[in-house]
Amino acid sequence: MRELRVIDETESGDAVAEAVREGLLAYPKTLPPWLFYDEQGSALFEQITALPEYYLTRMERELLHRHGREIAAGRDEWRRMSVVELGAGSAQKTAWLLRALDAEGRGISYLPMDISATALREAEEQLGREFPQLRLRPVLTDFMRERPTLPIDAEAQRLLLWLGSSAGNFEMEDAVKILRDASAEMREGDLLLLGLDGAPEANGRETDKKISDLLRAYDDAAGVTAAFNRNLLKRMGRELGAEFCVEQFEHEARWNGRTSCVEMHLVSKIAQSVFVRELERSFDFQAGESIHTENSRKFTRDEARALVAAAGFSTVKSWHDPDGWYGLYLGQRV
């Protein structure tokens, strides 16, 4: 088993406490999405990616399967490829791209970064079995708050991956900063591959996607996304001694047309006060007041290309599903 670089537990606990204090004192109340991904939250998200309503993972996997050889081809001036992935999770989708790179016959190294040790161990075990020659270096880190360090290999072209439309969880300037930080040491000719979810009925009918299609993806019939959202309350209970009555908070997905985002909220059903032992204070909620837990921005194709350009890359090519709901954007460092 390869060694994972583990975040100091005390430091991580302090970060959780500070994020909760700041978020619950804010108006309106909000919590950062990185809090979703403790062990239970990561397992629930893996379940979400298999739901029929959650089309994003399915479409992205199909695009990587269909176009992986095209993404991997034509880089003969480098002997090897170093693949670095932000928020890799269990890397099930990435395996399709690694298979295409492996078929090209070049040496591959893969550095998956994630906040979940459970997901990284699963990725390591599965990929290690399928690709015994793969140079695999999992890194347990919060790349959203800690600048990632990319491996240096003069004979390897770097490919930076940020899939799953995860860039949409951030304000545009924050997503650009994450990409710039991650690519700061990349060279001319290195590559960026972004997976981004398309906006509904955008750009004069780029797609026939409806807002109702988006909302179903974030409020599934089986209630898995609701459990994923409510796990934030349970995590605060486990780690901070927060006395939330989880049943008194309702999961809600909303469309914000001004920001082109699906928003996730936890809405208090009643007026209540919640004591958090580790913070030594209570937080008051009015009936109907919400904690805003996540934004999932949806991009027009022009906005997607603008994000690639702002990160310091020129868009080489993009691929979309037949209905134009989801896209992969390949950029080259300039």
C-alpha atoms as a PDB file:
ATOM      1  CA  MET A   1       0.000   0.000   0.000  1.00  0.00           C
ATOM      2  CA  ARG A   2       1.446   3.364  -1.002  1.00  0.00           C
ATOM      3  CA  GLU A   3       1.646   5.944   1.746  1.00  0.00           C
ATOM      4  CA  LEU A   4      -0.964   8.692   1.850  1.00  0.00           C
ATOM      5  CA  ARG A   5       0.114  12.153   2.961  1.00  0.00           C
ATOM      6  CA  VAL A   6      -2.182  12.654   5.936  1.00  0.00           C
ATOM      7  CA  ILE A   7      -3.412  16.055   7.111  1.00  0.00           C
ATOM      8  CA  ASP A   8      -2.745  16.711  10.790  1.00  0.00           C
ATOM      9  CA  GLU A   9      -5.932  15.744  12.677  1.00  0.00           C
ATOM     10  CA  THR A  10      -5.820  18.682  15.093  1.00  0.00           C
ATOM     11  CA  GLU A  11      -5.305  21.179  12.307  1.00  0.00           C
ATOM     12  CA  SER A  12      -8.174  19.648  10.344  1.00  0.00           C
ATOM     13  CA  GLY A  13     -10.465  19.784  13.401  1.00  0.00           C
ATOM     14  CA  ASP A  14      -9.590  23.434  13.974  1.00  0.00           C
ATOM     15  CA  ALA A  15     -10.400  24.205  10.340  1.00  0.00           C
ATOM     16  CA  VAL A  16     -13.812  22.531  10.639  1.00  0.00           C
ATOM     17  CA  ALA A  17     -14.606  24.435  13.839  1.00  0.00           C
ATOM     18  CA  GLU A  18     -13.595  27.773  12.344  1.00  0.00           C
ATOM     19  CA  ALA A  19     -15.565  27.165   9.143  1.00  0.00           C
ATOM     20  CA  VAL A  20     -18.685  26.280  11.159  1.00  0.00           C
ATOM     21  CA  ARG A  21     -18.320  29.257  13.492  1.00  0.00           C
ATOM     22  CA  GLU A  22     -17.864  31.685  10.613  1.00  0.00           C
ATOM     23  CA  GLY A  23     -20.612  30.151   8.483  1.00  0.00           C
ATOM     24  CA  LEU A  24     -23.319  29.955  11.140  1.00  0.00           C
ATOM     25  CA  LEU A  25     -22.631  33.513  12.325  1.00  0.00           C
ATOM     26  CA  ALA A  26     -22.943  34.825   8.756  1.00  0.00           C
ATOM     27  CA  TYR A  27     -26.158  36.234   7.311  1.00  0.00           C
ATOM     28  CA  PRO A  28     -27.422  34.395   5.415  1.00  0.00           C
ATOM     29  CA  LYS A  29     -25.928  31.273   7.021  1.00  0.00           C
ATOM     30  CA  THR A  30     -23.580  29.266   4.807  1.00  0.00           C
ATOM     31  CA  LEU A  31     -21.101  26.390   5.014  1.00  0.00           C
ATOM     32  CA  PRO A  32     -18.230  25.608   2.581  1.00  0.00           C
ATOM     33  CA  PRO A  33     -18.768  22.519   0.379  1.00  0.00           C
ATOM     34  CA  TRP A  34     -15.475  20.896   1.429  1.00  0.00           C
ATOM     35  CA  LEU A  35     -17.239  20.021   4.699  1.00  0.00           C
ATOM     36  CA  PHE A  36     -19.347  17.468   2.790  1.00  0.00           C
ATOM     37  CA  TYR A  37     -16.449  15.077   2.321  1.00  0.00           C
ATOM     38  CA  ASP A  38     -15.818  13.226   5.526  1.00  0.00           C
ATOM     39  CA  GLU A  39     -15.888   9.423   5.236  1.00  0.00           C
ATOM     40  CA  GLN A  40     -19.692   9.194   5.331  1.00  0.00           C
ATOM     41  CA  GLY A  41     -20.164  12.113   2.959  1.00  0.00           C
ATOM     42  CA  SER A  42     -17.704  10.695   0.427  1.00  0.00           C
ATOM     43  CA  ALA A  43     -19.529   7.348   0.470  1.00  0.00           C
ATOM     44  CA  LEU A  44     -22.873   9.096  -0.073  1.00  0.00           C
ATOM     45  CA  PHE A  45     -21.457  11.107  -2.980  1.00  0.00           C
ATOM     46  CA  GLU A  46     -20.290   7.898  -4.665  1.00  0.00           C
ATOM     47  CA  GLN A  47     -23.908   6.706  -4.408  1.00  0.00           C
ATOM     48  CA  ILE A  48     -25.121   9.979  -5.947  1.00  0.00           C
ATOM     49  CA  THR A  49     -22.901   9.478  -9.011  1.00  0.00           C
ATOM     50  CA  ALA A  50     -24.741   6.203  -9.774  1.00  0.00           C
ATOM     51  CA  LEU A  51     -28.264   7.687  -9.525  1.00  0.00           C
ATOM     52  CA  PRO A  52     -30.360   7.857 -12.722  1.00  0.00           C
ATOM     53  CA  GLU A  53     -31.117  11.545 -12.098  1.00  0.00           C
ATOM     54  CA  TYR A  54     -27.445  12.482 -11.727  1.00  0.00           C
ATOM     55  CA  TYR A  55     -26.502  12.532 -15.408  1.00  0.00           C
ATOM     56  CA  LEU A  56     -23.183  14.366 -14.932  1.00  0.00           C
ATOM     57  CA  THR A  57     -21.037  11.357 -14.003  1.00  0.00           C
ATOM     58  CA  ARG A  58     -22.622   9.088 -16.590  1.00  0.00           C
ATOM     59  CA  MET A  59     -22.133  11.570 -19.447  1.00  0.00           C
ATOM     60  CA  GLU A  60     -18.582  12.451 -18.416  1.00  0.00           C
ATOM     61  CA  ARG A  61     -17.623   8.777 -18.224  1.00  0.00           C
ATOM     62  CA  GLU A  62     -19.051   8.183 -21.706  1.00  0.00           C
ATOM     63  CA  LEU A  63     -17.123  11.165 -23.119  1.00  0.00           C
ATOM     64  CA  LEU A  64     -13.857   9.954 -21.573  1.00  0.00           C
ATOM     65  CA  HIS A  65     -14.510   6.467 -22.942  1.00  0.00           C
ATOM     66  CA  ARG A  66     -15.353   7.719 -26.420  1.00  0.00           C
ATOM     67  CA  HIS A  67     -12.645  10.384 -26.754  1.00  0.00           C
ATOM     68  CA  GLY A  68      -9.889   9.171 -24.439  1.00  0.00           C
ATOM     69  CA  ARG A  69      -7.599   8.102 -27.290  1.00  0.00           C
ATOM     70  CA  GLU A  70      -8.031  11.484 -28.941  1.00  0.00           C
ATOM     71  CA  ILE A  71      -7.154  13.280 -25.686  1.00  0.00           C
ATOM     72  CA  ALA A  72      -4.112  11.040 -25.208  1.00  0.00           C
ATOM     73  CA  ALA A  73      -2.795  11.074 -28.777  1.00  0.00           C
ATOM     74  CA  GLY A  74      -0.322  13.289 -30.606  1.00  0.00           C
ATOM     75  CA  ARG A  75       2.158  14.145 -27.842  1.00  0.00           C
ATOM     76  CA  ASP A  76       5.150  12.149 -29.081  1.00  0.00           C
ATOM     77  CA  GLU A  77       7.716  14.774 -28.088  1.00  0.00           C
ATOM     78  CA  TRP A  78       7.290  13.646 -24.459  1.00  0.00           C
ATOM     79  CA  ARG A  79       8.197  10.130 -23.362  1.00  0.00           C
ATOM     80  CA  ARG A  80       5.852  10.114 -20.405  1.00  0.00           C
ATOM     81  CA  MET A  81       2.611  11.663 -19.174  1.00  0.00           C
ATOM     82  CA  SER A  82       2.108  12.917 -15.601  1.00  0.00           C
ATOM     83  CA  VAL A  83      -1.593  13.074 -14.792  1.00  0.00           C
ATOM     84  CA  VAL A  84      -2.592  15.217 -11.801  1.00  0.00           C
ATOM     85  CA  GLU A  85      -6.243  15.215 -10.743  1.00  0.00           C
ATOM     86  CA  LEU A  86      -7.932  17.663  -8.391  1.00  0.00           C
ATOM     87  CA  GLY A  87     -10.742  16.065  -6.383  1.00  0.00           C
ATOM     88  CA  ALA A  88     -10.128  12.617  -7.836  1.00  0.00           C
ATOM     89  CA  GLY A  89     -12.437  10.673  -5.505  1.00  0.00           C
ATOM     90  CA  SER A  90     -12.294   6.968  -6.330  1.00  0.00           C
ATOM     91  CA  ALA A  91     -11.079   7.805  -9.889  1.00  0.00           C
ATOM     92  CA  GLN A  92     -13.534   5.433 -11.581  1.00  0.00           C
ATOM     93  CA  LYS A  93     -14.077   7.846 -14.483  1.00  0.00           C
ATOM     94  CA  THR A  94     -10.376   8.652 -14.756  1.00  0.00           C
ATOM     95  CA  ALA A  95      -9.651   4.968 -15.375  1.00  0.00           C
ATOM     96  CA  TRP A  96     -11.079   5.386 -18.886  1.00  0.00           C
ATOM     97  CA  LEU A  97      -8.512   8.079 -19.652  1.00  0.00           C
ATOM     98  CA  LEU A  98      -5.679   6.086 -18.079  1.00  0.00           C
ATOM     99  CA  ARG A  99      -6.595   3.124 -20.298  1.00  0.00           C
ATOM    100  CA  ALA A 100      -6.320   5.369 -23.368  1.00  0.00           C
ATOM    101  CA  LEU A 101      -2.945   6.715 -22.221  1.00  0.00           C
ATOM    102  CA  ASP A 102      -1.764   3.186 -21.459  1.00  0.00           C
ATOM    103  CA  ALA A 103      -2.738   2.120 -24.984  1.00  0.00           C
ATOM    104  CA  GLU A 104      -0.429   4.835 -26.347  1.00  0.00           C
ATOM    105  CA  GLY A 105       2.484   2.890 -24.861  1.00  0.00           C
ATOM    106  CA  ARG A 106       4.029   5.697 -22.840  1.00  0.00           C
ATOM    107  CA  GLY A 107       4.924   5.701 -19.177  1.00  0.00           C
ATOM    108  CA  ILE A 108       2.205   7.182 -16.986  1.00  0.00           C
ATOM    109  CA  SER A 109       2.310   8.620 -13.504  1.00  0.00           C
ATOM    110  CA  TYR A 110      -0.908   9.514 -11.718  1.00  0.00           C
ATOM    111  CA  LEU A 111      -1.243  11.840  -8.753  1.00  0.00           C
ATOM    112  CA  PRO A 112      -4.854  11.855  -7.482  1.00  0.00           C
ATOM    113  CA  MET A 113      -5.606  14.571  -4.914  1.00  0.00           C
ATOM    114  CA  ASP A 114      -8.624  14.396  -2.638  1.00  0.00           C
ATOM    115  CA  ILE A 115      -9.837  15.274   0.833  1.00  0.00           C
ATOM    116  CA  SER A 116     -11.169  11.734   1.409  1.00  0.00           C
ATOM    117  CA  ALA A 117      -8.687   9.046   2.464  1.00  0.00           C
ATOM    118  CA  THR A 118     -11.352   6.387   1.900  1.00  0.00           C
ATOM    119  CA  ALA A 119     -11.846   7.417  -1.735  1.00  0.00           C
ATOM    120  CA  LEU A 120      -8.093   7.564  -2.379  1.00  0.00           C
ATOM    121  CA  ARG A 121      -7.508   4.095  -0.948  1.00  0.00           C
ATOM    122  CA  GLU A 122     -10.277   2.735  -3.158  1.00  0.00           C
ATOM    123  CA  ALA A 123      -8.702   4.415  -6.192  1.00  0.00           C
ATOM    124  CA  GLU A 124      -5.282   3.064  -5.260  1.00  0.00           C
ATOM    125  CA  GLU A 125      -6.510  -0.511  -4.875  1.00  0.00           C
ATOM    126  CA  GLN A 126      -8.541  -0.577  -8.095  1.00  0.00           C
ATOM    127  CA  LEU A 127      -6.007   1.218 -10.288  1.00  0.00           C
ATOM    128  CA  GLY A 128      -3.110  -0.756  -8.813  1.00  0.00           C
ATOM    129  CA  ARG A 129      -4.759  -3.998  -9.895  1.00  0.00           C
ATOM    130  CA  GLU A 130      -5.561  -2.806 -13.422  1.00  0.00           C
ATOM    131  CA  PHE A 131      -2.334  -0.844 -14.066  1.00  0.00           C
ATOM    132  CA  PRO A 132       0.511  -2.634 -12.239  1.00  0.00           C
ATOM    133  CA  GLN A 133       3.132  -0.453 -13.982  1.00  0.00           C
ATOM    134  CA  LEU A 134       1.360   2.815 -13.130  1.00  0.00           C
ATOM    135  CA  ARG A 135       3.406   5.155 -10.962  1.00  0.00           C
ATOM    136  CA  LEU A 136       0.692   6.070  -8.475  1.00  0.00           C
ATOM    137  CA  ARG A 137       1.094   8.702  -5.755  1.00  0.00           C
ATOM    138  CA  PRO A 138      -2.159   9.507  -3.922  1.00  0.00           C
ATOM    139  CA  VAL A 139      -2.170  12.757  -1.967  1.00  0.00           C
ATOM    140  CA  LEU A 140      -4.630  13.412   0.845  1.00  0.00           C
ATOM    141  CA  THR A 141      -5.087  17.169   0.824  1.00  0.00           C
ATOM    142  CA  ASP A 142      -7.587  19.986   0.628  1.00  0.00           C
ATOM    143  CA  PHE A 143      -6.398  21.608  -2.592  1.00  0.00           C
ATOM    144  CA  MET A 144      -9.062  24.306  -2.158  1.00  0.00           C
ATOM    145  CA  ARG A 145      -7.200  25.696   0.862  1.00  0.00           C
ATOM    146  CA  GLU A 146      -3.690  24.347   0.283  1.00  0.00           C
ATOM    147  CA  ARG A 147      -1.754  25.011  -2.911  1.00  0.00           C
ATOM    148  CA  PRO A 148      -0.990  21.681  -4.600  1.00  0.00           C
ATOM    149  CA  THR A 149       2.552  20.750  -5.605  1.00  0.00           C
ATOM    150  CA  LEU A 150       2.867  19.074  -8.993  1.00  0.00           C
ATOM    151  CA  PRO A 151       5.568  16.484  -9.707  1.00  0.00           C
ATOM    152  CA  ILE A 152       8.566  17.645 -11.733  1.00  0.00           C
ATOM    153  CA  ASP A 153       9.646  15.411 -14.620  1.00  0.00           C
ATOM    154  CA  ALA A 154      11.489  16.992 -17.541  1.00  0.00           C
ATOM    155  CA  GLU A 155      10.527  14.140 -19.879  1.00  0.00           C
ATOM    156  CA  ALA A 156       6.830  14.077 -18.992  1.00  0.00           C
ATOM    157  CA  GLN A 157       4.005  16.192 -20.291  1.00  0.00           C
ATOM    158  CA  ARG A 158       1.642  17.194 -17.520  1.00  0.00           C
ATOM    159  CA  LEU A 159      -2.108  16.769 -17.781  1.00  0.00           C
ATOM    160  CA  LEU A 160      -4.121  18.544 -15.073  1.00  0.00           C
ATOM    161  CA  LEU A 161      -7.637  17.148 -14.598  1.00  0.00           C
ATOM    162  CA  TRP A 162     -10.572  18.816 -12.870  1.00  0.00           C
ATOM    163  CA  LEU A 163     -13.613  16.728 -13.678  1.00  0.00           C
ATOM    164  CA  GLY A 164     -17.168  16.309 -12.421  1.00  0.00           C
ATOM    165  CA  SER A 165     -17.990  20.002 -12.979  1.00  0.00           C
ATOM    166  CA  SER A 166     -16.367  20.590  -9.585  1.00  0.00           C
ATOM    167  CA  ALA A 167     -15.198  24.020 -10.777  1.00  0.00           C
ATOM    168  CA  GLY A 168     -18.880  24.998 -10.664  1.00  0.00           C
ATOM    169  CA  ASN A 169     -18.867  24.753  -6.864  1.00  0.00           C
ATOM    170  CA  PHE A 170     -16.836  27.976  -6.726  1.00  0.00           C
ATOM    171  CA  GLU A 171     -17.191  31.588  -7.697  1.00  0.00           C
ATOM    172  CA  MET A 172     -15.478  32.102 -11.047  1.00  0.00           C
ATOM    173  CA  GLU A 173     -12.552  34.028  -9.535  1.00  0.00           C
ATOM    174  CA  ASP A 174     -12.010  31.284  -6.945  1.00  0.00           C
ATOM    175  CA  ALA A 175     -12.087  28.536  -9.590  1.00  0.00           C
ATOM    176  CA  VAL A 176      -9.542  30.515 -11.640  1.00  0.00           C
ATOM    177  CA  LYS A 177      -7.296  30.872  -8.576  1.00  0.00           C
ATOM    178  CA  ILE A 178      -7.402  27.125  -7.874  1.00  0.00           C
ATOM    179  CA  LEU A 179      -6.462  26.361 -11.475  1.00  0.00           C
ATOM    180  CA  ARG A 180      -3.715  29.001 -11.549  1.00  0.00           C
ATOM    181  CA  ASP A 181      -2.257  27.742  -8.280  1.00  0.00           C
ATOM    182  CA  ALA A 182      -2.333  24.139  -9.515  1.00  0.00           C
ATOM    183  CA  SER A 183      -0.799  25.024 -12.878  1.00  0.00           C
ATOM    184  CA  ALA A 184       1.773  27.562 -11.663  1.00  0.00           C
ATOM    185  CA  GLU A 185       4.690  25.228 -12.439  1.00  0.00           C
ATOM    186  CA  MET A 186       3.283  23.862 -15.698  1.00  0.00           C
ATOM    187  CA  ARG A 187       5.178  24.486 -18.926  1.00  0.00           C
ATOM    188  CA  GLU A 188       4.201  25.533 -22.400  1.00  0.00           C
ATOM    189  CA  GLY A 189       2.470  22.589 -24.049  1.00  0.00           C
ATOM    190  CA  ASP A 190       1.178  21.053 -20.817  1.00  0.00           C
ATOM    191  CA  LEU A 191      -2.535  20.301 -20.777  1.00  0.00           C
ATOM    192  CA  LEU A 192      -5.687  20.989 -18.785  1.00  0.00           C
ATOM    193  CA  LEU A 193      -8.866  18.899 -19.078  1.00  0.00           C
ATOM    194  CA  LEU A 194     -11.992  20.384 -17.497  1.00  0.00           C
ATOM    195  CA  GLY A 195     -15.352  18.648 -17.193  1.00  0.00           C
ATOM    196  CA  LEU A 196     -18.161  21.232 -16.974  1.00  0.00           C
ATOM    197  CA  ASP A 197     -21.932  20.941 -16.817  1.00  0.00           C
ATOM    198  CA  GLY A 198     -23.854  22.965 -19.390  1.00  0.00           C
ATOM    199  CA  ALA A 199     -26.329  25.743 -18.631  1.00  0.00           C
ATOM    200  CA  PRO A 200     -30.013  25.116 -19.414  1.00  0.00           C
ATOM    201  CA  GLU A 201     -31.270  26.273 -22.811  1.00  0.00           C
ATOM    202  CA  ALA A 202     -28.187  28.428 -23.180  1.00  0.00           C
ATOM    203  CA  ASN A 203     -26.690  30.413 -26.057  1.00  0.00           C
ATOM    204  CA  GLY A 204     -29.763  30.331 -28.237  1.00  0.00           C
ATOM    205  CA  ARG A 205     -30.525  26.617 -27.856  1.00  0.00           C
ATOM    206  CA  GLU A 206     -27.113  25.057 -27.302  1.00  0.00           C
ATOM    207  CA  THR A 207     -29.112  22.420 -25.456  1.00  0.00           C
ATOM    208  CA  ASP A 208     -32.684  21.429 -24.624  1.00  0.00           C
ATOM    209  CA  LYS A 209     -31.798  20.940 -20.949  1.00  0.00           C
ATOM    210  CA  LYS A 210     -34.515  22.260 -18.638  1.00  0.00           C
ATOM    211  CA  ILE A 211     -34.216  23.698 -15.149  1.00  0.00           C
ATOM    212  CA  SER A 212     -36.367  20.790 -13.970  1.00  0.00           C
ATOM    213  CA  ASP A 213     -33.686  18.379 -15.280  1.00  0.00           C
ATOM    214  CA  LEU A 214     -31.093  20.170 -13.161  1.00  0.00           C
ATOM    215  CA  LEU A 215     -33.192  20.206 -10.005  1.00  0.00           C
ATOM    216  CA  ARG A 216     -33.897  16.468 -10.259  1.00  0.00           C
ATOM    217  CA  ALA A 217     -30.140  15.834 -10.379  1.00  0.00           C
ATOM    218  CA  TYR A 218     -29.796  17.562  -6.985  1.00  0.00           C
ATOM    219  CA  ASP A 219     -33.004  16.265  -5.366  1.00  0.00           C
ATOM    220  CA  ASP A 220     -33.309  12.608  -6.377  1.00  0.00           C
ATOM    221  CA  ALA A 221     -36.327  10.422  -5.702  1.00  0.00           C
ATOM    222  CA  ALA A 222     -34.364   8.032  -3.468  1.00  0.00           C
ATOM    223  CA  GLY A 223     -33.290  10.859  -1.145  1.00  0.00           C
ATOM    224  CA  VAL A 224     -29.555  10.165  -1.408  1.00  0.00           C
ATOM    225  CA  THR A 225     -28.695  13.813  -2.115  1.00  0.00           C
ATOM    226  CA  ALA A 226     -30.839  14.864   0.834  1.00  0.00           C
ATOM    227  CA  ALA A 227     -28.896  12.429   3.057  1.00  0.00           C
ATOM    228  CA  PHE A 228     -25.623  13.795   1.641  1.00  0.00           C
ATOM    229  CA  ASN A 229     -26.686  17.351   2.495  1.00  0.00           C
ATOM    230  CA  ARG A 230     -27.959  16.449   5.994  1.00  0.00           C
ATOM    231  CA  ASN A 231     -24.691  14.601   6.688  1.00  0.00           C
ATOM    232  CA  LEU A 232     -23.211  18.074   7.256  1.00  0.00           C
ATOM    233  CA  LEU A 233     -25.378  18.365  10.363  1.00  0.00           C
ATOM    234  CA  LYS A 234     -24.369  14.878  11.490  1.00  0.00           C
ATOM    235  CA  ARG A 235     -20.691  15.676  10.922  1.00  0.00           C
ATOM    236  CA  MET A 236     -20.985  18.777  13.098  1.00  0.00           C
ATOM    237  CA  GLY A 237     -22.552  16.553  15.748  1.00  0.00           C
ATOM    238  CA  ARG A 238     -19.786  13.940  15.536  1.00  0.00           C
ATOM    239  CA  GLU A 239     -16.850  16.334  15.442  1.00  0.00           C
ATOM    240  CA  LEU A 240     -18.055  19.444  17.273  1.00  0.00           C
ATOM    241  CA  GLY A 241     -20.799  18.147  19.579  1.00  0.00           C
ATOM    242  CA  ALA A 242     -23.477  20.136  17.708  1.00  0.00           C
ATOM    243  CA  GLU A 243     -26.967  19.273  18.968  1.00  0.00           C
ATOM    244  CA  PHE A 244     -28.818  19.393  15.639  1.00  0.00           C
ATOM    245  CA  CYS A 245     -32.150  17.579  15.329  1.00  0.00           C
ATOM    246  CA  VAL A 246     -31.531  16.454  11.754  1.00  0.00           C
ATOM    247  CA  GLU A 247     -35.219  15.720  11.109  1.00  0.00           C
ATOM    248  CA  GLN A 248     -36.015  19.407  11.689  1.00  0.00           C
ATOM    249  CA  PHE A 249     -34.006  20.445   8.607  1.00  0.00           C
ATOM    250  CA  GLU A 250     -35.237  19.915   5.061  1.00  0.00           C
ATOM    251  CA  HIS A 251     -33.033  19.461   2.002  1.00  0.00           C
ATOM    252  CA  GLU A 252     -33.866  21.910  -0.779  1.00  0.00           C
ATOM    253  CA  ALA A 253     -32.435  22.432  -4.279  1.00  0.00           C
ATOM    254  CA  ARG A 254     -33.078  25.836  -5.885  1.00  0.00           C
ATOM    255  CA  TRP A 255     -32.277  27.324  -9.275  1.00  0.00           C
ATOM    256  CA  ASN A 256     -30.689  30.793  -9.227  1.00  0.00           C
ATOM    257  CA  GLY A 257     -30.945  32.168 -12.751  1.00  0.00           C
ATOM    258  CA  ARG A 258     -28.903  35.273 -11.910  1.00  0.00           C
ATOM    259  CA  THR A 259     -25.810  33.217 -11.074  1.00  0.00           C
ATOM    260  CA  SER A 260     -26.680  30.210 -13.281  1.00  0.00           C
ATOM    261  CA  CYS A 261     -26.398  27.962 -10.227  1.00  0.00           C
ATOM    262  CA  VAL A 262     -28.240  25.133  -8.589  1.00  0.00           C
ATOM    263  CA  GLU A 263     -28.095  25.994  -4.891  1.00  0.00           C
ATOM    264  CA  MET A 264     -28.398  23.420  -2.104  1.00  0.00           C
ATOM    265  CA  HIS A 265     -29.875  24.493   1.233  1.00  0.00           C
ATOM    266  CA  LEU A 266     -30.750  22.983   4.595  1.00  0.00           C
ATOM    267  CA  VAL A 267     -33.972  24.711   5.684  1.00  0.00           C
ATOM    268  CA  SER A 268     -35.033  24.848   9.323  1.00  0.00           C
ATOM    269  CA  LYS A 269     -38.644  23.678   9.654  1.00  0.00           C
ATOM    270  CA  ILE A 270     -39.114  25.455  12.991  1.00  0.00           C
ATOM    271  CA  ALA A 271     -37.665  28.259  15.079  1.00  0.00           C
ATOM    272  CA  GLN A 272     -34.914  26.639  17.112  1.00  0.00           C
ATOM    273  CA  SER A 273     -31.578  27.130  18.856  1.00  0.00           C
ATOM    274  CA  VAL A 274     -28.692  24.694  18.343  1.00  0.00           C
ATOM    275  CA  PHE A 275     -25.858  24.408  20.877  1.00  0.00           C
ATOM    276  CA  VAL A 276     -22.379  23.514  19.572  1.00  0.00           C
ATOM    277  CA  ARG A 277     -20.284  22.214  22.455  1.00  0.00           C
ATOM    278  CA  GLU A 278     -16.821  22.713  20.895  1.00  0.00           C
ATOM    279  CA  LEU A 279     -17.675  26.330  20.039  1.00  0.00           C
ATOM    280  CA  GLU A 280     -19.315  26.911  23.447  1.00  0.00           C
ATOM    281  CA  ARG A 281     -22.251  28.776  21.985  1.00  0.00           C
ATOM    282  CA  SER A 282     -25.713  28.412  20.477  1.00  0.00           C
ATOM    283  CA  PHE A 283     -26.913  29.419  17.013  1.00  0.00           C
ATOM    284  CA  ASP A 284     -30.500  30.558  16.456  1.00  0.00           C
ATOM    285  CA  PHE A 285     -32.625  29.634  13.437  1.00  0.00           C
ATOM    286  CA  GLN A 286     -35.936  31.136  12.381  1.00  0.00           C
ATOM    287  CA  ALA A 287     -38.581  28.914  10.823  1.00  0.00           C
ATOM    288  CA  GLY A 288     -37.764  28.778   7.099  1.00  0.00           C
ATOM    289  CA  GLU A 289     -34.193  30.044   7.557  1.00  0.00           C
ATOM    290  CA  SER A 290     -31.607  28.063   5.610  1.00  0.00           C
ATOM    291  CA  ILE A 291     -27.949  27.125   5.630  1.00  0.00           C
ATOM    292  CA  HIS A 292     -26.630  27.542   2.081  1.00  0.00           C
ATOM    293  CA  THR A 293     -24.357  24.522   1.595  1.00  0.00           C
ATOM    294  CA  GLU A 294     -23.391  24.428  -2.084  1.00  0.00           C
ATOM    295  CA  ASN A 295     -23.469  26.195  -5.439  1.00  0.00           C
ATOM    296  CA  SER A 296     -23.263  24.160  -8.639  1.00  0.00           C
ATOM    297  CA  ARG A 297     -22.714  26.595 -11.470  1.00  0.00           C
ATOM    298  CA  LYS A 298     -23.726  25.679 -15.009  1.00  0.00           C
ATOM    299  CA  PHE A 299     -21.660  27.003 -17.915  1.00  0.00           C
ATOM    300  CA  THR A 300     -22.385  28.131 -21.428  1.00  0.00           C
ATOM    301  CA  ARG A 301     -19.680  27.058 -23.867  1.00  0.00           C
ATOM    302  CA  ASP A 302     -18.361  30.614 -24.044  1.00  0.00           C
ATOM    303  CA  GLU A 303     -18.117  30.745 -20.238  1.00  0.00           C
ATOM    304  CA  ALA A 304     -16.305  27.401 -20.180  1.00  0.00           C
ATOM    305  CA  ARG A 305     -13.729  28.604 -22.703  1.00  0.00           C
ATOM    306  CA  ALA A 306     -13.333  31.842 -20.718  1.00  0.00           C
ATOM    307  CA  LEU A 307     -12.501  29.812 -17.605  1.00  0.00           C
ATOM    308  CA  VAL A 308      -9.868  27.814 -19.519  1.00  0.00           C
ATOM    309  CA  ALA A 309      -8.356  31.054 -20.864  1.00  0.00           C
ATOM    310  CA  ALA A 310      -8.358  32.799 -17.474  1.00  0.00           C
ATOM    311  CA  ALA A 311      -6.394  29.872 -16.036  1.00  0.00           C
ATOM    312  CA  GLY A 312      -3.659  30.432 -18.662  1.00  0.00           C
ATOM    313  CA  PHE A 313      -4.591  27.886 -21.336  1.00  0.00           C
ATOM    314  CA  SER A 314      -5.911  28.072 -24.873  1.00  0.00           C
ATOM    315  CA  THR A 315      -8.831  25.789 -25.703  1.00  0.00           C
ATOM    316  CA  VAL A 316      -7.609  23.116 -28.116  1.00  0.00           C
ATOM    317  CA  LYS A 317     -10.816  21.154 -28.427  1.00  0.00           C
ATOM    318  CA  SER A 318     -14.064  20.346 -26.660  1.00  0.00           C
ATOM    319  CA  TRP A 319     -16.382  17.348 -26.703  1.00  0.00           C
ATOM    320  CA  HIS A 320     -20.059  17.185 -25.773  1.00  0.00           C
ATOM    321  CA  ASP A 321     -22.723  14.528 -25.399  1.00  0.00           C
ATOM    322  CA  PRO A 322     -25.191  14.348 -28.339  1.00  0.00           C
ATOM    323  CA  ASP A 323     -27.720  16.578 -26.549  1.00  0.00           C
ATOM    324  CA  GLY A 324     -25.143  19.146 -25.463  1.00  0.00           C
ATOM    325  CA  TRP A 325     -25.786  18.757 -21.755  1.00  0.00           C
ATOM    326  CA  TYR A 326     -22.189  18.188 -20.626  1.00  0.00           C
ATOM    327  CA  GLY A 327     -18.760  19.050 -21.989  1.00  0.00           C
ATOM    328  CA  LEU A 328     -15.054  18.228 -21.735  1.00  0.00           C
ATOM    329  CA  TYR A 329     -12.690  21.125 -22.529  1.00  0.00           C
ATOM    330  CA  LEU A 330      -9.044  20.493 -23.382  1.00  0.00           C
ATOM    331  CA  GLY A 331      -6.676  23.428 -22.957  1.00  0.00           C
ATOM    332  CA  GLN A 332      -2.958  23.804 -23.686  1.00  0.00           C
ATOM    333  CA  ARG A 333      -0.587  25.918 -21.622  1.00  0.00           C
ATOM    334  CA  VAL A 334       0.437  29.152 -23.353  1.00  0.00           C
END
